[in-house]
Amino acid sequence: MSSNDGGGLMSSAGLVRYFDAEDNNAIRIDPRTVIAFGAFFGFLVLILRAVGI
């Protein structure tokens, strides 16, 4: 067992702060759009496989 058991929580606090920061220049995509695009792509693959392309 390590003698420094509290180090994990302290080191992860910086990551939480980093990922919580809002970036105004980031691309914003609605999660429903991602799901719809994935479903569309899946159906397209199924159709192309059925046709034989």
Protein backbone atom coordinates (compact mmCIF):
# COMPACT_ATOMS: atom_id res chain seq x y z
CA MET A 1 0.00 0.00 0.00
CA SER A 2 1.19 3.50 -0.78
CA SER A 3 1.91 5.94 2.00
CA ASN A 4 0.33 8.78 -0.04
CA ASP A 5 -3.31 7.67 -0.42
CA GLY A 6 -4.75 11.17 -0.91
CA GLY A 7 -2.76 12.03 -4.07
CA GLY A 8 -5.32 10.67 -6.52
CA LEU A 9 -8.04 13.08 -5.50
CA MET A 10 -5.75 16.09 -5.58
CA SER A 11 -4.36 15.25 -9.03
CA SER A 12 -7.81 14.63 -10.52
CA ALA A 13 -9.10 17.99 -9.27
CA GLY A 14 -7.09 19.80 -11.94
CA LEU A 15 -8.59 17.60 -14.68
CA VAL A 16 -12.12 18.30 -13.46
CA ARG A 17 -11.41 22.02 -13.49
CA TYR A 18 -9.90 21.75 -16.99
CA PHE A 19 -12.85 19.84 -18.48
CA ASP A 20 -15.44 22.05 -16.76
CA ALA A 21 -14.08 25.16 -18.47
CA GLU A 22 -16.32 26.43 -21.27
CA ASP A 23 -14.61 27.11 -24.58
CA ASN A 24 -16.43 29.73 -26.64
CA ASN A 25 -14.58 28.71 -29.82
CA ALA A 26 -15.60 25.05 -29.60
CA ILE A 27 -18.00 23.54 -32.12
CA ARG A 28 -21.35 22.85 -30.49
CA ILE A 29 -23.34 19.88 -31.80
CA ASP A 30 -26.66 18.80 -30.35
CA PRO A 31 -26.48 15.20 -29.05
CA ARG A 32 -29.66 14.37 -30.98
CA THR A 33 -27.88 15.38 -34.19
CA VAL A 34 -25.06 12.94 -33.44
CA ILE A 35 -27.55 10.12 -32.78
CA ALA A 36 -29.52 10.93 -35.96
CA PHE A 37 -26.35 11.01 -38.07
CA GLY A 38 -25.21 7.68 -36.61
CA ALA A 39 -28.59 6.07 -37.33
CA PHE A 40 -28.59 7.46 -40.87
CA PHE A 41 -25.08 6.18 -41.49
CA GLY A 42 -26.02 2.75 -40.10
CA PHE A 43 -29.07 2.50 -42.38
CA LEU A 44 -26.96 3.62 -45.33
CA VAL A 45 -24.46 0.84 -44.65
CA LEU A 46 -27.27 -1.72 -44.36
CA ILE A 47 -28.81 -0.58 -47.64
CA LEU A 48 -25.47 -0.63 -49.47
CA ARG A 49 -24.71 -4.12 -48.15
CA ALA A 50 -28.16 -5.36 -49.25
CA VAL A 51 -27.63 -3.92 -52.74
CA GLY A 52 -24.18 -5.47 -52.91
CA ILE A 53 -22.00 -2.41 -53.28
